[in-house]
Amino acid sequence: MVAPTYVYDGECVLCSRAVQYVIKHDRGEPPIRFVAIKSAEGRSIAAEAGVDPDDPSTFLFVEDETIYGASDALFAMARHLSGPAHWFRFLRFIPRGLRDWFYSRIANNRYALFGKLDTCYLPDAKDRHRFVLE
């Protein structure tokens, strides 16, 4: 079975905190793997999804060969999580256009709202095998 993949912006503070949350609350088997969007694999997935890896408008979640973006990515990933994020899946009844409008407001302003890192988040040794950074 291929592990679900979270493609994230490694320079974004919000995104890096989300990665840490997913590591803590991942209940899937196999566990979610993490791919920095500026890595070779991340760029390839972003290109397939029509996302600019140098100015990403969304994180991506890949599961069963389907690439999800924006609010659909949140819902797809939430299926694998315990904790408060698991309950986000119940907001799926909100029309996609409205969900994605709210999502894009945060995504387009994430650096101003949460900050930007100088370097990509690096996991500790026990989780490093789940990451693709280059």
C-alpha atoms as a PDB file:
ATOM      1  CA  MET A   1       0.000   0.000   0.000  1.00  0.00           C
ATOM      2  CA  VAL A   2       1.327   3.444  -0.954  1.00  0.00           C
ATOM      3  CA  ALA A   3       1.461   5.929   1.903  1.00  0.00           C
ATOM      4  CA  PRO A   4      -0.696   9.039   1.615  1.00  0.00           C
ATOM      5  CA  THR A   5       1.473  12.084   0.941  1.00  0.00           C
ATOM      6  CA  TYR A   6       1.266  15.605   2.351  1.00  0.00           C
ATOM      7  CA  VAL A   7       2.976  18.121   0.022  1.00  0.00           C
ATOM      8  CA  TYR A   8       3.663  21.263   2.037  1.00  0.00           C
ATOM      9  CA  ASP A   9       5.339  24.663   1.856  1.00  0.00           C
ATOM     10  CA  GLY A  10       8.399  24.220   4.065  1.00  0.00           C
ATOM     11  CA  GLU A  11       8.927  27.979   4.452  1.00  0.00           C
ATOM     12  CA  CYS A  12       5.463  28.663   5.852  1.00  0.00           C
ATOM     13  CA  VAL A  13       5.150  28.733   9.664  1.00  0.00           C
ATOM     14  CA  LEU A  14       1.482  27.656   9.503  1.00  0.00           C
ATOM     15  CA  CYS A  15       2.360  24.769   7.173  1.00  0.00           C
ATOM     16  CA  SER A  16       5.266  23.639   9.351  1.00  0.00           C
ATOM     17  CA  ARG A  17       3.047  23.667  12.434  1.00  0.00           C
ATOM     18  CA  ALA A  18       0.453  21.681  10.506  1.00  0.00           C
ATOM     19  CA  VAL A  19       3.130  19.086   9.675  1.00  0.00           C
ATOM     20  CA  GLN A  20       3.975  18.809  13.376  1.00  0.00           C
ATOM     21  CA  TYR A  21       0.270  18.395  14.182  1.00  0.00           C
ATOM     22  CA  VAL A  22      -0.103  15.645  11.582  1.00  0.00           C
ATOM     23  CA  ILE A  23       2.940  13.786  12.953  1.00  0.00           C
ATOM     24  CA  LYS A  24       1.410  13.877  16.431  1.00  0.00           C
ATOM     25  CA  HIS A  25      -2.123  12.852  15.380  1.00  0.00           C
ATOM     26  CA  ASP A  26      -1.561  10.558  12.375  1.00  0.00           C
ATOM     27  CA  ARG A  27      -3.436   7.298  12.953  1.00  0.00           C
ATOM     28  CA  GLY A  28      -3.111   5.885   9.457  1.00  0.00           C
ATOM     29  CA  GLU A  29      -1.333   2.762   8.360  1.00  0.00           C
ATOM     30  CA  PRO A  30       0.851   3.327   6.512  1.00  0.00           C
ATOM     31  CA  PRO A  31       1.544   6.702   8.108  1.00  0.00           C
ATOM     32  CA  ILE A  32       1.403   9.911   6.085  1.00  0.00           C
ATOM     33  CA  ARG A  33       4.668  10.869   4.417  1.00  0.00           C
ATOM     34  CA  PHE A  34       5.733  14.482   3.939  1.00  0.00           C
ATOM     35  CA  VAL A  35       7.139  16.039   0.781  1.00  0.00           C
ATOM     36  CA  ALA A  36       8.451  19.607   0.662  1.00  0.00           C
ATOM     37  CA  ILE A  37       6.883  21.315  -2.352  1.00  0.00           C
ATOM     38  CA  LYS A  38      10.275  22.655  -3.463  1.00  0.00           C
ATOM     39  CA  SER A  39      11.828  19.174  -3.531  1.00  0.00           C
ATOM     40  CA  ALA A  40      12.066  17.354  -6.873  1.00  0.00           C
ATOM     41  CA  GLU A  41       9.135  15.092  -5.973  1.00  0.00           C
ATOM     42  CA  GLY A  42       7.129  18.028  -4.616  1.00  0.00           C
ATOM     43  CA  ARG A  43       7.690  20.032  -7.805  1.00  0.00           C
ATOM     44  CA  SER A  44       6.548  17.074  -9.881  1.00  0.00           C
ATOM     45  CA  ILE A  45       3.337  16.632  -7.881  1.00  0.00           C
ATOM     46  CA  ALA A  46       2.698  20.392  -7.918  1.00  0.00           C
ATOM     47  CA  ALA A  47       3.134  20.515 -11.701  1.00  0.00           C
ATOM     48  CA  GLU A  48       0.647  17.674 -12.121  1.00  0.00           C
ATOM     49  CA  ALA A  49      -1.833  19.593  -9.927  1.00  0.00           C
ATOM     50  CA  GLY A  50      -1.237  22.924 -11.684  1.00  0.00           C
ATOM     51  CA  VAL A  51       0.305  24.547  -8.584  1.00  0.00           C
ATOM     52  CA  ASP A  52       3.376  26.796  -8.739  1.00  0.00           C
ATOM     53  CA  PRO A  53       5.860  25.282  -6.242  1.00  0.00           C
ATOM     54  CA  ASP A  54       7.640  28.633  -5.887  1.00  0.00           C
ATOM     55  CA  ASP A  55       4.399  30.403  -4.916  1.00  0.00           C
ATOM     56  CA  PRO A  56       1.992  27.669  -3.828  1.00  0.00           C
ATOM     57  CA  SER A  57      -1.648  28.605  -3.376  1.00  0.00           C
ATOM     58  CA  THR A  58      -2.457  25.384  -1.510  1.00  0.00           C
ATOM     59  CA  PHE A  59      -0.930  22.387   0.136  1.00  0.00           C
ATOM     60  CA  LEU A  60      -1.578  19.112  -1.649  1.00  0.00           C
ATOM     61  CA  PHE A  61      -2.608  15.741  -0.321  1.00  0.00           C
ATOM     62  CA  VAL A  62      -2.105  12.659  -2.470  1.00  0.00           C
ATOM     63  CA  GLU A  63      -4.059   9.507  -1.741  1.00  0.00           C
ATOM     64  CA  ASP A  64      -4.720   6.529  -4.000  1.00  0.00           C
ATOM     65  CA  GLU A  65      -3.231   8.415  -6.988  1.00  0.00           C
ATOM     66  CA  THR A  66      -5.640  11.339  -6.508  1.00  0.00           C
ATOM     67  CA  ILE A  67      -4.219  14.790  -5.801  1.00  0.00           C
ATOM     68  CA  TYR A  68      -6.376  16.974  -3.559  1.00  0.00           C
ATOM     69  CA  GLY A  69      -5.915  20.710  -3.077  1.00  0.00           C
ATOM     70  CA  ALA A  70      -7.421  23.491  -0.966  1.00  0.00           C
ATOM     71  CA  SER A  71     -10.308  22.454   1.306  1.00  0.00           C
ATOM     72  CA  ASP A  72     -10.600  19.018  -0.329  1.00  0.00           C
ATOM     73  CA  ALA A  73      -7.005  18.344   0.783  1.00  0.00           C
ATOM     74  CA  LEU A  74      -7.948  19.250   4.358  1.00  0.00           C
ATOM     75  CA  PHE A  75     -10.839  16.806   4.332  1.00  0.00           C
ATOM     76  CA  ALA A  76      -8.820  14.015   2.713  1.00  0.00           C
ATOM     77  CA  MET A  77      -6.045  14.400   5.282  1.00  0.00           C
ATOM     78  CA  ALA A  78      -8.458  14.707   8.229  1.00  0.00           C
ATOM     79  CA  ARG A  79      -9.654  11.147   7.562  1.00  0.00           C
ATOM     80  CA  HIS A  80      -6.217   9.970   8.727  1.00  0.00           C
ATOM     81  CA  LEU A  81      -6.026  12.053  11.895  1.00  0.00           C
ATOM     82  CA  SER A  82      -7.164  11.880  15.462  1.00  0.00           C
ATOM     83  CA  GLY A  83      -7.571  14.978  17.614  1.00  0.00           C
ATOM     84  CA  PRO A  84      -9.545  18.133  16.777  1.00  0.00           C
ATOM     85  CA  ALA A  85      -8.693  18.124  13.040  1.00  0.00           C
ATOM     86  CA  HIS A  86     -10.529  14.818  12.644  1.00  0.00           C
ATOM     87  CA  TRP A  87     -13.764  16.721  13.211  1.00  0.00           C
ATOM     88  CA  PHE A  88     -13.112  19.098  10.262  1.00  0.00           C
ATOM     89  CA  ARG A  89     -14.487  16.418   7.964  1.00  0.00           C
ATOM     90  CA  PHE A  90     -17.983  17.227   9.201  1.00  0.00           C
ATOM     91  CA  LEU A  91     -17.709  20.703   7.626  1.00  0.00           C
ATOM     92  CA  ARG A  92     -17.710  19.103   4.190  1.00  0.00           C
ATOM     93  CA  PHE A  93     -21.417  19.914   3.841  1.00  0.00           C
ATOM     94  CA  ILE A  94     -20.424  23.545   3.205  1.00  0.00           C
ATOM     95  CA  PRO A  95     -20.339  24.172  -0.567  1.00  0.00           C
ATOM     96  CA  ARG A  96     -16.831  23.786  -2.043  1.00  0.00           C
ATOM     97  CA  GLY A  97     -16.820  27.318  -3.478  1.00  0.00           C
ATOM     98  CA  LEU A  98     -17.372  28.845  -0.053  1.00  0.00           C
ATOM     99  CA  ARG A  99     -14.896  26.471   1.655  1.00  0.00           C
ATOM    100  CA  ASP A 100     -12.222  27.230  -0.931  1.00  0.00           C
ATOM    101  CA  TRP A 101     -12.876  30.980  -0.703  1.00  0.00           C
ATOM    102  CA  PHE A 102     -12.103  30.881   3.040  1.00  0.00           C
ATOM    103  CA  TYR A 103      -9.163  28.575   2.427  1.00  0.00           C
ATOM    104  CA  SER A 104      -7.656  30.902  -0.197  1.00  0.00           C
ATOM    105  CA  ARG A 105      -7.981  33.948   2.085  1.00  0.00           C
ATOM    106  CA  ILE A 106      -5.753  32.239   4.637  1.00  0.00           C
ATOM    107  CA  ALA A 107      -3.417  30.612   2.085  1.00  0.00           C
ATOM    108  CA  ASN A 108      -2.795  33.843   0.189  1.00  0.00           C
ATOM    109  CA  ASN A 109      -1.981  35.707   3.407  1.00  0.00           C
ATOM    110  CA  ARG A 110      -0.215  32.940   5.338  1.00  0.00           C
ATOM    111  CA  TYR A 111       3.202  34.618   5.435  1.00  0.00           C
ATOM    112  CA  ALA A 112       1.734  37.915   6.680  1.00  0.00           C
ATOM    113  CA  LEU A 113      -0.489  36.172   9.236  1.00  0.00           C
ATOM    114  CA  PHE A 114       1.883  33.470  10.517  1.00  0.00           C
ATOM    115  CA  GLY A 115       5.380  34.317   9.253  1.00  0.00           C
ATOM    116  CA  LYS A 116       7.969  32.715   7.020  1.00  0.00           C
ATOM    117  CA  LEU A 117      10.857  30.420   7.965  1.00  0.00           C
ATOM    118  CA  ASP A 118      14.384  30.844   6.649  1.00  0.00           C
ATOM    119  CA  THR A 119      14.754  27.078   6.303  1.00  0.00           C
ATOM    120  CA  CYS A 120      12.401  24.151   5.858  1.00  0.00           C
ATOM    121  CA  TYR A 121      11.127  22.424   9.001  1.00  0.00           C
ATOM    122  CA  LEU A 122      13.352  19.468   9.869  1.00  0.00           C
ATOM    123  CA  PRO A 123      11.834  16.514  11.702  1.00  0.00           C
ATOM    124  CA  ASP A 124      13.519  14.749  14.590  1.00  0.00           C
ATOM    125  CA  ALA A 125      15.416  11.523  13.928  1.00  0.00           C
ATOM    126  CA  LYS A 126      12.504   9.152  14.664  1.00  0.00           C
ATOM    127  CA  ASP A 127      10.303  10.766  11.960  1.00  0.00           C
ATOM    128  CA  ARG A 128      12.945  11.727   9.386  1.00  0.00           C
ATOM    129  CA  HIS A 129      12.266   8.605   7.255  1.00  0.00           C
ATOM    130  CA  ARG A 130       8.769   9.977   6.493  1.00  0.00           C
ATOM    131  CA  PHE A 131      10.161  13.154   4.840  1.00  0.00           C
ATOM    132  CA  VAL A 132      11.324  14.044   1.335  1.00  0.00           C
ATOM    133  CA  LEU A 133      13.100  17.398   1.493  1.00  0.00           C
ATOM    134  CA  GLU A 134      15.382  17.363  -1.552  1.00  0.00           C
END
